PDB file of N, CA and C in Angstrom:
ATOM      1  N   GLY A   1     186.223 196.648 127.348  1.00  0.00           N
ATOM      2  CA  GLY A   1     187.307 195.829 127.793  1.00  0.00           C
ATOM      3  C   GLY A   1     187.818 195.043 126.366  1.00  0.00           C
ATOM      4  N   TRP A   2     189.042 194.906 126.151  1.00  0.00           N
ATOM      5  CA  TRP A   2     189.715 194.311 125.049  1.00  0.00           C
ATOM      6  C   TRP A   2     190.063 192.955 125.521  1.00  0.00           C
ATOM      7  N   ARG A   3     189.529 191.814 125.113  1.00  0.00           N
ATOM      8  CA  ARG A   3     189.929 190.447 125.366  1.00  0.00           C
ATOM      9  C   ARG A   3     191.561 190.198 124.625  1.00  0.00           C
ATOM     10  N   LYS A   4     192.373 190.625 125.020  1.00  0.00           N
ATOM     11  CA  LYS A   4     193.667 190.530 124.450  1.00  0.00           C
ATOM     12  C   LYS A   4     194.206 189.034 124.261  1.00  0.00           C
ATOM     13  N   ASP A   5     193.947 188.552 125.558  1.00  0.00           N
ATOM     14  CA  ASP A   5     194.523 187.001 125.566  1.00  0.00           C
ATOM     15  C   ASP A   5     193.534 186.202 125.828  1.00  0.00           C
ATOM     16  N   ARG A   6     192.600 186.020 124.628  1.00  0.00           N
ATOM     17  CA  ARG A   6     191.635 185.096 125.201  1.00  0.00           C
ATOM     18  C   ARG A   6     191.693 183.524 125.516  1.00  0.00           C
ATOM     19  N   HIS A   7     190.653 183.103 126.227  1.00  0.00           N
ATOM     20  CA  HIS A   7     190.882 181.685 126.513  1.00  0.00           C
ATOM     21  C   HIS A   7     189.416 181.028 126.166  1.00  0.00           C
ATOM     22  N   ASP A   8     189.106 181.066 124.855  1.00  0.00           N
ATOM     23  CA  ASP A   8     188.019 180.615 124.407  1.00  0.00           C
ATOM     24  C   ASP A   8     188.299 179.479 123.142  1.00  0.00           C
ATOM     25  N   THR A   9     187.237 178.489 122.710  1.00  0.00           N
ATOM     26  CA  THR A   9     187.768 177.547 121.720  1.00  0.00           C
ATOM     27  C   THR A   9     188.151 178.344 120.555  1.00  0.00           C
ATOM     28  N   LEU A  10     188.860 177.552 119.656  1.00  0.00           N
ATOM     29  CA  LEU A  10     189.219 178.103 118.338  1.00  0.00           C
ATOM     30  C   LEU A  10     188.056 178.767 117.528  1.00  0.00           C
ATOM     31  N   VAL A  11     186.663 178.084 117.415  1.00  0.00           N
ATOM     32  CA  VAL A  11     185.721 178.554 116.788  1.00  0.00           C
ATOM     33  C   VAL A  11     185.412 179.891 116.970  1.00  0.00           C
ATOM     34  N   LYS A  12     185.214 179.982 118.664  1.00  0.00           N
ATOM     35  CA  LYS A  12     184.711 181.139 119.218  1.00  0.00           C
ATOM     36  C   LYS A  12     185.806 182.249 118.698  1.00  0.00           C
ATOM     37  N   ARG A  13     187.061 182.142 119.076  1.00  0.00           N
ATOM     38  CA  ARG A  13     188.041 183.116 118.643  1.00  0.00           C
ATOM     39  C   ARG A  13     188.138 183.533 117.069  1.00  0.00           C
ATOM     40  N   LEU A  14     187.986 182.478 116.219  1.00  0.00           N
ATOM     41  CA  LEU A  14     187.807 182.835 114.818  1.00  0.00           C
ATOM     42  C   LEU A  14     186.750 183.640 114.457  1.00  0.00           C
ATOM     43  N   SER A  15     185.351 183.252 114.783  1.00  0.00           N
ATOM     44  CA  SER A  15     184.173 183.792 114.631  1.00  0.00           C
ATOM     45  C   SER A  15     184.207 185.289 115.085  1.00  0.00           C
ATOM     46  N   SER A  16     184.567 185.431 116.156  1.00  0.00           N
ATOM     47  CA  SER A  16     184.916 186.689 116.801  1.00  0.00           C
ATOM     48  C   SER A  16     185.647 187.733 116.100  1.00  0.00           C
ATOM     49  N   ARG A  17     187.044 187.243 115.661  1.00  0.00           N
ATOM     50  CA  ARG A  17     188.004 187.994 114.828  1.00  0.00           C
ATOM     51  C   ARG A  17     187.247 188.155 113.422  1.00  0.00           C
ATOM     52  N   ILE A  18     186.478 187.487 112.737  1.00  0.00           N
ATOM     53  CA  ILE A  18     185.879 187.604 111.586  1.00  0.00           C
ATOM     54  C   ILE A  18     184.783 188.850 111.866  1.00  0.00           C
ATOM     55  N   ALA A  19     183.831 188.534 112.906  1.00  0.00           N
ATOM     56  CA  ALA A  19     182.940 189.626 112.935  1.00  0.00           C
ATOM     57  C   ALA A  19     183.568 190.995 113.476  1.00  0.00           C
ATOM     58  N   ASN A  20     184.716 191.089 114.075  1.00  0.00           N
ATOM     59  CA  ASN A  20     185.199 192.282 114.433  1.00  0.00           C
ATOM     60  C   ASN A  20     185.884 192.914 113.276  1.00  0.00           C
ATOM     61  N   ALA A  21     186.538 192.220 112.194  1.00  0.00           N
ATOM     62  CA  ALA A  21     186.890 192.612 111.078  1.00  0.00           C
ATOM     63  C   ALA A  21     185.939 193.284 110.233  1.00  0.00           C
ATOM     64  N   ILE A  22     184.984 192.535 110.006  1.00  0.00           N
ATOM     65  CA  ILE A  22     183.663 192.977 109.283  1.00  0.00           C
ATOM     66  C   ILE A  22     183.294 194.276 109.863  1.00  0.00           C
ATOM     67  N   ARG A  23     183.094 194.354 111.081  1.00  0.00           N
ATOM     68  CA  ARG A  23     182.387 195.614 111.650  1.00  0.00           C
ATOM     69  C   ARG A  23     183.413 196.796 111.312  1.00  0.00           C
ATOM     70  N   ASN A  24     184.660 196.563 111.594  1.00  0.00           N
ATOM     71  CA  ASN A  24     185.762 197.581 111.237  1.00  0.00           C
ATOM     72  C   ASN A  24     185.727 197.850 109.784  1.00  0.00           C
ATOM     73  N   ALA A  25     185.617 197.054 109.044  1.00  0.00           N
ATOM     74  CA  ALA A  25     185.396 197.466 107.529  1.00  0.00           C
ATOM     75  C   ALA A  25     184.322 198.326 107.016  1.00  0.00           C
ATOM     76  N   VAL A  26     183.243 197.890 107.665  1.00  0.00           N
ATOM     77  CA  VAL A  26     181.986 198.862 107.505  1.00  0.00           C
ATOM     78  C   VAL A  26     181.924 199.853 108.036  1.00  0.00           C
ATOM     79  N   ILE A  27     182.102 200.170 109.410  1.00  0.00           N
ATOM     80  CA  ILE A  27     181.871 201.351 110.203  1.00  0.00           C
ATOM     81  C   ILE A  27     183.088 202.017 110.355  1.00  0.00           C
ATOM     82  N   HIS A  28     184.460 201.202 110.270  1.00  0.00           N
ATOM     83  CA  HIS A  28     185.588 201.890 110.651  1.00  0.00           C
ATOM     84  C   HIS A  28     185.868 202.616 111.904  1.00  0.00           C
ATOM     85  N   ASP A  29     185.319 201.788 113.020  1.00  0.00           N
ATOM     86  CA  ASP A  29     185.445 202.370 114.514  1.00  0.00           C
ATOM     87  C   ASP A  29     186.655 202.033 115.105  1.00  0.00           C
ATOM     88  N   GLY A  30     187.521 201.398 114.642  1.00  0.00           N
ATOM     89  CA  GLY A  30     188.882 200.793 115.033  1.00  0.00           C
ATOM     90  C   GLY A  30     188.701 200.080 116.438  1.00  0.00           C
ATOM     91  N   VAL A  31     187.673 199.580 116.737  1.00  0.00           N
ATOM     92  CA  VAL A  31     187.620 198.835 118.004  1.00  0.00           C
ATOM     93  C   VAL A  31     187.852 197.454 117.822  1.00  0.00           C
ATOM     94  N   HIS A  32     188.978 196.780 118.809  1.00  0.00           N
ATOM     95  CA  HIS A  32     189.344 195.483 118.686  1.00  0.00           C
ATOM     96  C   HIS A  32     188.425 194.423 118.823  1.00  0.00           C
ATOM     97  N   ASP A  33     187.589 194.607 120.033  1.00  0.00           N
ATOM     98  CA  ASP A  33     186.639 193.558 120.419  1.00  0.00           C
ATOM     99  C   ASP A  33     185.344 194.209 121.067  1.00  0.00           C
ATOM    100  N   THR A  34     184.323 194.339 120.431  1.00  0.00           N
ATOM    101  CA  THR A  34     183.195 194.633 121.043  1.00  0.00           C
ATOM    102  C   THR A  34     182.241 193.696 121.549  1.00  0.00           C
ATOM    103  N   GLY A  35     182.724 192.422 121.380  1.00  0.00           N
ATOM    104  CA  GLY A  35     181.828 191.204 122.038  1.00  0.00           C
ATOM    105  C   GLY A  35     182.103 191.391 123.781  1.00  0.00           C
ATOM    106  N   ARG A  36     183.039 191.992 124.131  1.00  0.00           N
ATOM    107  CA  ARG A  36     183.106 191.872 125.725  1.00  0.00           C
ATOM    108  C   ARG A  36     182.080 192.633 126.274  1.00  0.00           C
ATOM    109  N   SER A  37     181.467 192.299 127.365  1.00  0.00           N
ATOM    110  CA  SER A  37     180.401 193.081 128.007  1.00  0.00           C
ATOM    111  C   SER A  37     180.795 194.045 128.818  1.00  0.00           C
ATOM    112  N   LEU A  38     182.060 194.276 129.149  1.00  0.00           N
ATOM    113  CA  LEU A  38     182.615 195.418 129.934  1.00  0.00           C
ATOM    114  C   LEU A  38     182.741 196.623 129.244  1.00  0.00           C
ATOM    115  N   LYS A  39     181.891 197.475 129.396  1.00  0.00           N
ATOM    116  CA  LYS A  39     182.089 198.884 128.627  1.00  0.00           C
ATOM    117  C   LYS A  39     181.831 199.924 129.695  1.00  0.00           C
ATOM    118  N   VAL A  40     182.561 200.818 129.755  1.00  0.00           N
ATOM    119  CA  VAL A  40     182.636 201.971 130.683  1.00  0.00           C
ATOM    120  C   VAL A  40     182.206 203.220 130.008  1.00  0.00           C
ATOM    121  N   PHE A  41     181.068 203.917 130.116  1.00  0.00           N
ATOM    122  CA  PHE A  41     180.907 205.387 129.558  1.00  0.00           C
ATOM    123  C   PHE A  41     180.552 206.373 130.550  1.00  0.00           C
ATOM    124  N   ARG A  42     180.814 207.561 130.250  1.00  0.00           N
ATOM    125  CA  ARG A  42     180.628 208.716 131.009  1.00  0.00           C
ATOM    126  C   ARG A  42     179.080 208.790 131.037  1.00  0.00           C
ATOM    127  N   ARG A  43     178.258 209.474 131.726  1.00  0.00           N
ATOM    128  CA  ARG A  43     176.877 209.668 131.809  1.00  0.00           C
ATOM    129  C   ARG A  43     176.552 210.274 130.450  1.00  0.00           C
ATOM    130  N   GLN A  44     177.441 211.560 130.259  1.00  0.00           N
ATOM    131  CA  GLN A  44     176.916 212.435 129.107  1.00  0.00           C
ATOM    132  C   GLN A  44     176.973 211.401 127.813  1.00  0.00           C
ATOM    133  N   VAL A  45     177.598 210.220 127.791  1.00  0.00           N
ATOM    134  CA  VAL A  45     177.714 209.721 126.475  1.00  0.00           C
ATOM    135  C   VAL A  45     176.568 208.960 126.121  1.00  0.00           C
ATOM    136  N   VAL A  46     176.119 208.341 127.452  1.00  0.00           N
ATOM    137  CA  VAL A  46     174.834 207.553 127.551  1.00  0.00           C
ATOM    138  C   VAL A  46     173.706 208.289 127.159  1.00  0.00           C
ATOM    139  N   GLU A  47     173.747 209.653 127.663  1.00  0.00           N
ATOM    140  CA  GLU A  47     172.578 210.407 127.723  1.00  0.00           C
ATOM    141  C   GLU A  47     172.155 211.009 126.142  1.00  0.00           C
ATOM    142  N   ARG A  48     173.398 210.874 125.488  1.00  0.00           N
ATOM    143  CA  ARG A  48     173.512 211.368 124.035  1.00  0.00           C
ATOM    144  C   ARG A  48     173.025 210.466 122.947  1.00  0.00           C
ATOM    145  N   ILE A  49     173.495 209.367 123.195  1.00  0.00           N
ATOM    146  CA  ILE A  49     173.409 208.168 122.203  1.00  0.00           C
ATOM    147  C   ILE A  49     172.008 207.600 122.152  1.00  0.00           C
ATOM    148  N   PRO A  50     171.299 207.664 121.226  1.00  0.00           N
ATOM    149  CA  PRO A  50     170.049 206.873 121.134  1.00  0.00           C
ATOM    150  C   PRO A  50     170.005 205.623 121.392  1.00  0.00           C
ATOM    151  N   LEU A  51     169.174 205.011 121.956  1.00  0.00           N
ATOM    152  CA  LEU A  51     169.318 203.366 122.529  1.00  0.00           C
ATOM    153  C   LEU A  51     168.324 202.769 121.734  1.00  0.00           C
ATOM    154  N   PHE A  52     168.883 201.483 121.038  1.00  0.00           N
ATOM    155  CA  PHE A  52     168.176 200.816 120.238  1.00  0.00           C
ATOM    156  C   PHE A  52     168.537 199.215 120.777  1.00  0.00           C
ATOM    157  N   GLU A  53     167.339 198.379 120.684  1.00  0.00           N
ATOM    158  CA  GLU A  53     167.855 196.984 120.851  1.00  0.00           C
ATOM    159  C   GLU A  53     169.056 196.432 119.964  1.00  0.00           C
ATOM    160  N   GLY A  54     169.892 195.762 120.673  1.00  0.00           N
ATOM    161  CA  GLY A  54     171.114 195.198 119.749  1.00  0.00           C
ATOM    162  C   GLY A  54     172.240 196.136 119.658  1.00  0.00           C
ATOM    163  N   MET A  55     172.078 197.347 119.964  1.00  0.00           N
ATOM    164  CA  MET A  55     172.925 198.475 119.515  1.00  0.00           C
ATOM    165  C   MET A  55     174.269 198.370 120.875  1.00  0.00           C
ATOM    166  N   HIS A  56     174.062 197.714 121.685  1.00  0.00           N
ATOM    167  CA  HIS A  56     175.404 197.613 123.032  1.00  0.00           C
ATOM    168  C   HIS A  56     176.606 197.229 121.964  1.00  0.00           C
ATOM    169  N   ARG A  57     176.429 196.173 120.852  1.00  0.00           N
ATOM    170  CA  ARG A  57     177.707 196.010 119.962  1.00  0.00           C
ATOM    171  C   ARG A  57     178.412 197.418 119.456  1.00  0.00           C
ATOM    172  N   PHE A  58     177.766 198.301 119.209  1.00  0.00           N
ATOM    173  CA  PHE A  58     178.051 199.331 118.357  1.00  0.00           C
ATOM    174  C   PHE A  58     178.445 200.764 119.181  1.00  0.00           C
ATOM    175  N   PHE A  59     178.152 200.435 120.536  1.00  0.00           N
ATOM    176  CA  PHE A  59     178.192 201.811 121.558  1.00  0.00           C
ATOM    177  C   PHE A  59     179.494 202.548 121.124  1.00  0.00           C
ATOM    178  N   PRO A  60     180.694 201.895 121.119  1.00  0.00           N
ATOM    179  CA  PRO A  60     181.984 202.699 120.776  1.00  0.00           C
ATOM    180  C   PRO A  60     181.967 203.444 119.589  1.00  0.00           C
ATOM    181  N   ALA A  61     181.300 202.866 118.422  1.00  0.00           N
ATOM    182  CA  ALA A  61     181.104 203.580 117.216  1.00  0.00           C
ATOM    183  C   ALA A  61     180.015 204.590 117.352  1.00  0.00           C
ATOM    184  N   LEU A  62     179.033 204.277 118.268  1.00  0.00           N
ATOM    185  CA  LEU A  62     178.039 205.525 118.267  1.00  0.00           C
ATOM    186  C   LEU A  62     178.532 206.701 119.196  1.00  0.00           C
ATOM    187  N   ALA A  63     179.487 206.468 120.043  1.00  0.00           N
ATOM    188  CA  ALA A  63     180.046 207.533 120.781  1.00  0.00           C
ATOM    189  C   ALA A  63     181.025 208.426 120.031  1.00  0.00           C
ATOM    190  N   ARG A  64     181.878 207.549 119.250  1.00  0.00           N
ATOM    191  CA  ARG A  64     182.688 208.421 118.407  1.00  0.00           C
ATOM    192  C   ARG A  64     181.815 209.009 117.168  1.00  0.00           C
ATOM    193  N   MET A  65     180.924 208.798 116.905  1.00  0.00           N
ATOM    194  CA  MET A  65     180.024 209.428 115.993  1.00  0.00           C
ATOM    195  C   MET A  65     179.321 210.591 116.521  1.00  0.00           C
ATOM    196  N   HIS A  66     179.336 210.731 117.830  1.00  0.00           N
ATOM    197  CA  HIS A  66     178.766 211.815 118.559  1.00  0.00           C
ATOM    198  C   HIS A  66     179.833 212.782 119.063  1.00  0.00           C
ATOM    199  N   GLY A  67     181.071 212.494 118.767  1.00  0.00           N
ATOM    200  CA  GLY A  67     182.304 213.113 119.227  1.00  0.00           C
ATOM    201  C   GLY A  67     183.078 213.019 120.156  1.00  0.00           C
ATOM    202  N   PHE A  68     182.710 211.940 120.805  1.00  0.00           N
ATOM    203  CA  PHE A  68     183.232 211.331 122.153  1.00  0.00           C
ATOM    204  C   PHE A  68     184.694 210.578 121.643  1.00  0.00           C
ATOM    205  N   THR A  69     185.598 210.420 122.469  1.00  0.00           N
ATOM    206  CA  THR A  69     186.733 209.617 122.646  1.00  0.00           C
ATOM    207  C   THR A  69     186.562 208.056 123.201  1.00  0.00           C
ATOM    208  N   VAL A  70     186.975 207.380 122.609  1.00  0.00           N
ATOM    209  CA  VAL A  70     186.695 206.051 122.793  1.00  0.00           C
ATOM    210  C   VAL A  70     188.210 205.305 123.104  1.00  0.00           C
ATOM    211  N   THR A  71     188.638 204.740 124.313  1.00  0.00           N
ATOM    212  CA  THR A  71     189.867 204.026 124.752  1.00  0.00           C
ATOM    213  C   THR A  71     189.453 202.735 125.160  1.00  0.00           C
ATOM    214  N   GLU A  72     190.235 201.677 124.532  1.00  0.00           N
ATOM    215  CA  GLU A  72     190.153 200.442 124.790  1.00  0.00           C
ATOM    216  C   GLU A  72     191.062 200.161 126.041  1.00  0.00           C
ATOM    217  N   VAL A  73     190.843 199.207 126.849  1.00  0.00           N
ATOM    218  CA  VAL A  73     191.683 198.751 127.927  1.00  0.00           C
ATOM    219  C   VAL A  73     191.658 197.253 127.916  1.00  0.00           C
ATOM    220  N   PRO A  74     192.736 196.500 127.667  1.00  0.00           N
ATOM    221  CA  PRO A  74     193.058 195.305 127.715  1.00  0.00           C
ATOM    222  C   PRO A  74     192.447 194.750 129.272  1.00  0.00           C
ATOM    223  N   VAL A  75     191.688 193.592 129.117  1.00  0.00           N
ATOM    224  CA  VAL A  75     191.083 192.999 130.392  1.00  0.00           C
ATOM    225  C   VAL A  75     191.358 191.385 130.207  1.00  0.00           C
ATOM    226  N   ARG A  76     191.734 190.946 131.568  1.00  0.00           N
ATOM    227  CA  ARG A  76     191.879 189.691 131.706  1.00  0.00           C
ATOM    228  C   ARG A  76     190.563 188.675 131.482  1.00  0.00           C
ATOM    229  N   HIS A  77     190.594 187.690 130.638  1.00  0.00           N
ATOM    230  CA  HIS A  77     189.742 186.936 130.146  1.00  0.00           C
ATOM    231  C   HIS A  77     189.719 185.570 130.754  1.00  0.00           C
ATOM    232  N   TYR A  78     189.051 184.797 131.346  1.00  0.00           N
ATOM    233  CA  TYR A  78     189.263 183.590 132.035  1.00  0.00           C
ATOM    234  C   TYR A  78     188.246 182.525 131.081  1.00  0.00           C
ATOM    235  N   PRO A  79     188.834 181.266 131.016  1.00  0.00           N
ATOM    236  CA  PRO A  79     187.962 180.332 130.557  1.00  0.00           C
ATOM    237  C   PRO A  79     186.940 180.079 131.288  1.00  0.00           C
ATOM    238  N   ARG A  80     185.774 179.910 130.374  1.00  0.00           N
ATOM    239  CA  ARG A  80     184.324 179.310 130.958  1.00  0.00           C
ATOM    240  C   ARG A  80     184.458 178.355 132.153  1.00  0.00           C
ATOM    241  N   ALA A  81     184.177 178.362 133.475  1.00  0.00           N
ATOM    242  CA  ALA A  81     184.260 177.487 134.344  1.00  0.00           C
ATOM    243  C   ALA A  81     183.142 176.537 134.385  1.00  0.00           C
ATOM    244  N   HIS A  82     181.834 176.923 134.191  1.00  0.00           N
ATOM    245  CA  HIS A  82     180.707 175.913 134.174  1.00  0.00           C
ATOM    246  C   HIS A  82     179.629 176.367 133.216  1.00  0.00           C
ATOM    247  N   GLY A  83     178.896 175.466 132.919  1.00  0.00           N
ATOM    248  CA  GLY A  83     177.873 175.506 131.905  1.00  0.00           C
ATOM    249  C   GLY A  83     178.339 175.875 130.395  1.00  0.00           C
ATOM    250  N   ARG A  84     177.527 175.981 129.541  1.00  0.00           N
ATOM    251  CA  ARG A  84     177.530 176.127 128.328  1.00  0.00           C
ATOM    252  C   ARG A  84     176.906 177.433 127.773  1.00  0.00           C
ATOM    253  N   SER A  85     177.642 178.041 126.760  1.00  0.00           N
ATOM    254  CA  SER A  85     177.187 179.310 126.198  1.00  0.00           C
ATOM    255  C   SER A  85     176.008 179.269 125.427  1.00  0.00           C
ATOM    256  N   LYS A  86     175.007 180.206 125.526  1.00  0.00           N
ATOM    257  CA  LYS A  86     173.690 180.110 124.762  1.00  0.00           C
ATOM    258  C   LYS A  86     173.734 180.914 123.700  1.00  0.00           C
ATOM    259  N   TYR A  87     174.948 181.434 123.432  1.00  0.00           N
ATOM    260  CA  TYR A  87     175.166 182.396 122.374  1.00  0.00           C
ATOM    261  C   TYR A  87     175.889 181.399 121.115  1.00  0.00           C
ATOM    262  N   GLY A  88     175.436 181.720 119.951  1.00  0.00           N
ATOM    263  CA  GLY A  88     176.150 180.919 118.827  1.00  0.00           C
ATOM    264  C   GLY A  88     175.984 181.829 117.357  1.00  0.00           C
ATOM    265  N   ILE A  89     176.670 181.482 116.314  1.00  0.00           N
ATOM    266  CA  ILE A  89     176.419 182.258 115.273  1.00  0.00           C
ATOM    267  C   ILE A  89     175.095 182.384 114.800  1.00  0.00           C
ATOM    268  N   GLY A  90     174.441 181.244 114.683  1.00  0.00           N
ATOM    269  CA  GLY A  90     173.211 181.443 114.149  1.00  0.00           C
ATOM    270  C   GLY A  90     172.352 182.392 114.750  1.00  0.00           C
ATOM    271  N   ASN A  91     172.217 182.289 116.100  1.00  0.00           N
ATOM    272  CA  ASN A  91     171.498 183.105 116.595  1.00  0.00           C
ATOM    273  C   ASN A  91     171.616 184.626 117.112  1.00  0.00           C
ATOM    274  N   ARG A  92     172.501 185.049 116.423  1.00  0.00           N
ATOM    275  CA  ARG A  92     173.216 186.354 116.485  1.00  0.00           C
ATOM    276  C   ARG A  92     173.544 186.982 114.990  1.00  0.00           C
ATOM    277  N   VAL A  93     174.112 186.299 114.157  1.00  0.00           N
ATOM    278  CA  VAL A  93     174.365 186.832 113.229  1.00  0.00           C
ATOM    279  C   VAL A  93     173.731 187.608 112.117  1.00  0.00           C
ATOM    280  N   PHE A  94     172.531 187.369 112.153  1.00  0.00           N
ATOM    281  CA  PHE A  94     171.417 188.115 111.127  1.00  0.00           C
ATOM    282  C   PHE A  94     170.990 189.497 111.929  1.00  0.00           C
ATOM    283  N   LYS A  95     170.876 189.456 113.164  1.00  0.00           N
ATOM    284  CA  LYS A  95     170.492 190.689 114.030  1.00  0.00           C
ATOM    285  C   LYS A  95     171.920 191.646 113.844  1.00  0.00           C
ATOM    286  N   ALA A  96     172.881 191.096 114.114  1.00  0.00           N
ATOM    287  CA  ALA A  96     174.177 191.826 113.956  1.00  0.00           C
ATOM    288  C   ALA A  96     174.364 192.602 112.651  1.00  0.00           C
ATOM    289  N   LEU A  97     174.314 191.752 111.557  1.00  0.00           N
ATOM    290  CA  LEU A  97     174.094 192.362 110.334  1.00  0.00           C
ATOM    291  C   LEU A  97     173.327 193.401 110.253  1.00  0.00           C
ATOM    292  N   ARG A  98     172.024 193.361 110.469  1.00  0.00           N
ATOM    293  CA  ARG A  98     171.251 194.309 110.440  1.00  0.00           C
ATOM    294  C   ARG A  98     171.664 195.511 111.073  1.00  0.00           C
ATOM    295  N   ASP A  99     171.852 195.429 112.404  1.00  0.00           N
ATOM    296  CA  ASP A  99     172.359 196.569 113.367  1.00  0.00           C
ATOM    297  C   ASP A  99     173.646 197.216 112.607  1.00  0.00           C
ATOM    298  N   LEU A 100     174.640 196.349 112.024  1.00  0.00           N
ATOM    299  CA  LEU A 100     175.585 196.985 111.644  1.00  0.00           C
ATOM    300  C   LEU A 100     175.340 197.899 110.464  1.00  0.00           C
ATOM    301  N   LEU A 101     174.323 197.289 109.415  1.00  0.00           N
ATOM    302  CA  LEU A 101     174.025 198.413 108.511  1.00  0.00           C
ATOM    303  C   LEU A 101     173.178 199.547 108.946  1.00  0.00           C
ATOM    304  N   ALA A 102     172.523 199.274 109.963  1.00  0.00           N
ATOM    305  CA  ALA A 102     171.851 200.487 110.544  1.00  0.00           C
ATOM    306  C   ALA A 102     172.827 201.606 110.833  1.00  0.00           C
ATOM    307  N   VAL A 103     173.864 201.120 111.554  1.00  0.00           N
ATOM    308  CA  VAL A 103     175.078 202.235 111.997  1.00  0.00           C
ATOM    309  C   VAL A 103     175.473 202.717 110.981  1.00  0.00           C
ATOM    310  N   ARG A 104     175.622 201.890 109.964  1.00  0.00           N
ATOM    311  CA  ARG A 104     176.491 202.451 108.954  1.00  0.00           C
ATOM    312  C   ARG A 104     175.546 203.392 108.097  1.00  0.00           C
ATOM    313  N   TRP A 105     174.313 203.158 108.212  1.00  0.00           N
ATOM    314  CA  TRP A 105     173.307 204.230 107.627  1.00  0.00           C
ATOM    315  C   TRP A 105     173.289 205.545 108.377  1.00  0.00           C
ATOM    316  N   MET A 106     173.332 205.323 109.835  1.00  0.00           N
ATOM    317  CA  MET A 106     173.259 206.694 110.618  1.00  0.00           C
ATOM    318  C   MET A 106     174.695 207.357 110.326  1.00  0.00           C
ATOM    319  N   GLN A 107     175.890 206.785 110.138  1.00  0.00           N
ATOM    320  CA  GLN A 107     177.221 207.446 109.852  1.00  0.00           C
ATOM    321  C   GLN A 107     176.863 208.349 108.641  1.00  0.00           C
ATOM    322  N   ARG A 108     176.408 207.751 107.878  1.00  0.00           N
ATOM    323  CA  ARG A 108     176.290 208.348 106.356  1.00  0.00           C
ATOM    324  C   ARG A 108     175.363 209.432 106.218  1.00  0.00           C
ATOM    325  N   ARG A 109     174.206 209.370 107.170  1.00  0.00           N
ATOM    326  CA  ARG A 109     173.050 210.330 107.129  1.00  0.00           C
ATOM    327  C   ARG A 109     173.346 211.465 108.139  1.00  0.00           C
ATOM    328  N   ARG A 110     174.148 211.335 109.077  1.00  0.00           N
ATOM    329  CA  ARG A 110     174.382 212.210 110.128  1.00  0.00           C
ATOM    330  C   ARG A 110     174.913 213.559 109.741  1.00  0.00           C
ATOM    331  N   LEU A 111     174.300 214.513 109.925  1.00  0.00           N
ATOM    332  CA  LEU A 111     174.641 215.835 109.694  1.00  0.00           C
ATOM    333  C   LEU A 111     175.680 216.526 110.402  1.00  0.00           C
ATOM    334  N   GLN A 112     176.795 216.796 110.159  1.00  0.00           N
ATOM    335  CA  GLN A 112     177.881 217.330 111.022  1.00  0.00           C
ATOM    336  C   GLN A 112     177.930 218.902 111.039  1.00  0.00           C
ATOM    337  N   TYR A 113     177.720 219.470 112.055  1.00  0.00           N
ATOM    338  CA  TYR A 113     177.549 220.922 112.111  1.00  0.00           C
ATOM    339  C   TYR A 113     178.243 221.416 113.387  1.00  0.00           C
ATOM    340  N   ARG A 114     178.287 222.739 113.477  1.00  0.00           N
ATOM    341  CA  ARG A 114     179.006 223.444 114.674  1.00  0.00           C
ATOM    342  C   ARG A 114     178.073 224.605 114.925  1.00  0.00           C
ATOM    343  N   TYR A 115     177.903 224.620 116.247  1.00  0.00           N
ATOM    344  CA  TYR A 115     176.984 225.860 116.525  1.00  0.00           C
ATOM    345  C   TYR A 115     177.639 226.743 117.951  1.00  0.00           C
ATOM    346  N   ARG A 116     177.249 227.610 117.836  1.00  0.00           N
ATOM    347  CA  ARG A 116     177.869 228.662 118.876  1.00  0.00           C
ATOM    348  C   ARG A 116     176.800 229.222 119.594  1.00  0.00           C
ATOM    349  N   ASP A 117     176.826 229.000 120.926  1.00  0.00           N
ATOM    350  CA  ASP A 117     175.970 229.368 122.062  1.00  0.00           C
ATOM    351  C   ASP A 117     176.120 230.947 122.382  1.00  0.00           C
ATOM    352  N   SER A 118     175.039 231.627 122.037  1.00  0.00           N
ATOM    353  CA  SER A 118     174.960 232.913 122.436  1.00  0.00           C
ATOM    354  C   SER A 118     173.889 233.293 123.115  1.00  0.00           C
ATOM    355  N   THR A 119     174.110 234.189 124.047  1.00  0.00           N
ATOM    356  CA  THR A 119     173.130 234.631 125.074  1.00  0.00           C
ATOM    357  C   THR A 119     172.716 236.202 124.787  1.00  0.00           C
ATOM    358  N   LEU A 120     171.449 236.080 124.565  1.00  0.00           N
ATOM    359  CA  LEU A 120     171.002 237.604 124.541  1.00  0.00           C
ATOM    360  C   LEU A 120     170.875 238.372 125.876  1.00  0.00           C
ATOM    361  N   HIS A 121     171.472 239.472 125.649  1.00  0.00           N
ATOM    362  CA  HIS A 121     171.138 240.284 126.856  1.00  0.00           C
ATOM    363  C   HIS A 121     169.890 241.061 126.707  1.00  0.00           C
ATOM    364  N   GLU A 122     169.460 241.519 127.791  1.00  0.00           N
ATOM    365  CA  GLU A 122     168.079 242.063 128.093  1.00  0.00           C
ATOM    366  C   GLU A 122     167.722 243.230 127.074  1.00  0.00           C
ATOM    367  N   HIS A 123     168.753 244.144 126.710  1.00  0.00           N
ATOM    368  CA  HIS A 123     168.526 245.235 125.788  1.00  0.00           C
ATOM    369  C   HIS A 123     168.530 244.656 124.219  1.00  0.00           C
ATOM    370  N   GLU A 124     168.920 243.590 123.814  1.00  0.00           N
ATOM    371  CA  GLU A 124     169.008 243.044 122.731  1.00  0.00           C
ATOM    372  C   GLU A 124     167.662 242.448 122.175  1.00  0.00           C
ATOM    373  N   THR A 125     167.334 242.235 120.967  1.00  0.00           N
ATOM    374  CA  THR A 125     166.035 241.433 120.466  1.00  0.00           C
ATOM    375  C   THR A 125     166.473 240.768 119.383  1.00  0.00           C
ATOM    376  N   VAL A 126     165.473 239.785 119.237  1.00  0.00           N
ATOM    377  CA  VAL A 126     165.916 238.981 117.859  1.00  0.00           C
ATOM    378  C   VAL A 126     165.200 239.414 116.790  1.00  0.00           C
ATOM    379  N   LYS A 127     165.753 239.849 115.721  1.00  0.00           N
ATOM    380  CA  LYS A 127     165.000 240.147 114.385  1.00  0.00           C
ATOM    381  C   LYS A 127     164.340 239.035 113.872  1.00  0.00           C
ATOM    382  N   ARG A 128     163.326 238.949 113.319  1.00  0.00           N
ATOM    383  CA  ARG A 128     162.594 237.906 112.754  1.00  0.00           C
ATOM    384  C   ARG A 128     162.207 238.228 111.464  1.00  0.00           C
TER     385      ARG A 128
END
């Protein structure tokens, strides 16, 4: 989901906008908002993507990297009703940067290839 009309503090909106801009500049995934926890994927996407701690931020980029289509849908965002957020810039920025560089590395190192599935018939043999 894309929090198009956010109801957060100015600091949260700015830090999110900066983080999303940096992510887009480095991995070019074109996603507006990866901070939103609402993400829906088909089963084959989740089965194909290697899972690593912290990579939830980059699921759309990883899905695209594996040839899947990603669509963002605007979702309604409500202001926090109770309590305080335990997330902050300090407790996330270094892990997020490390993970961002890991995704960029995967994008650059990924081999692009096509294959054709062929079935051998009973009378055919494989030459070695």
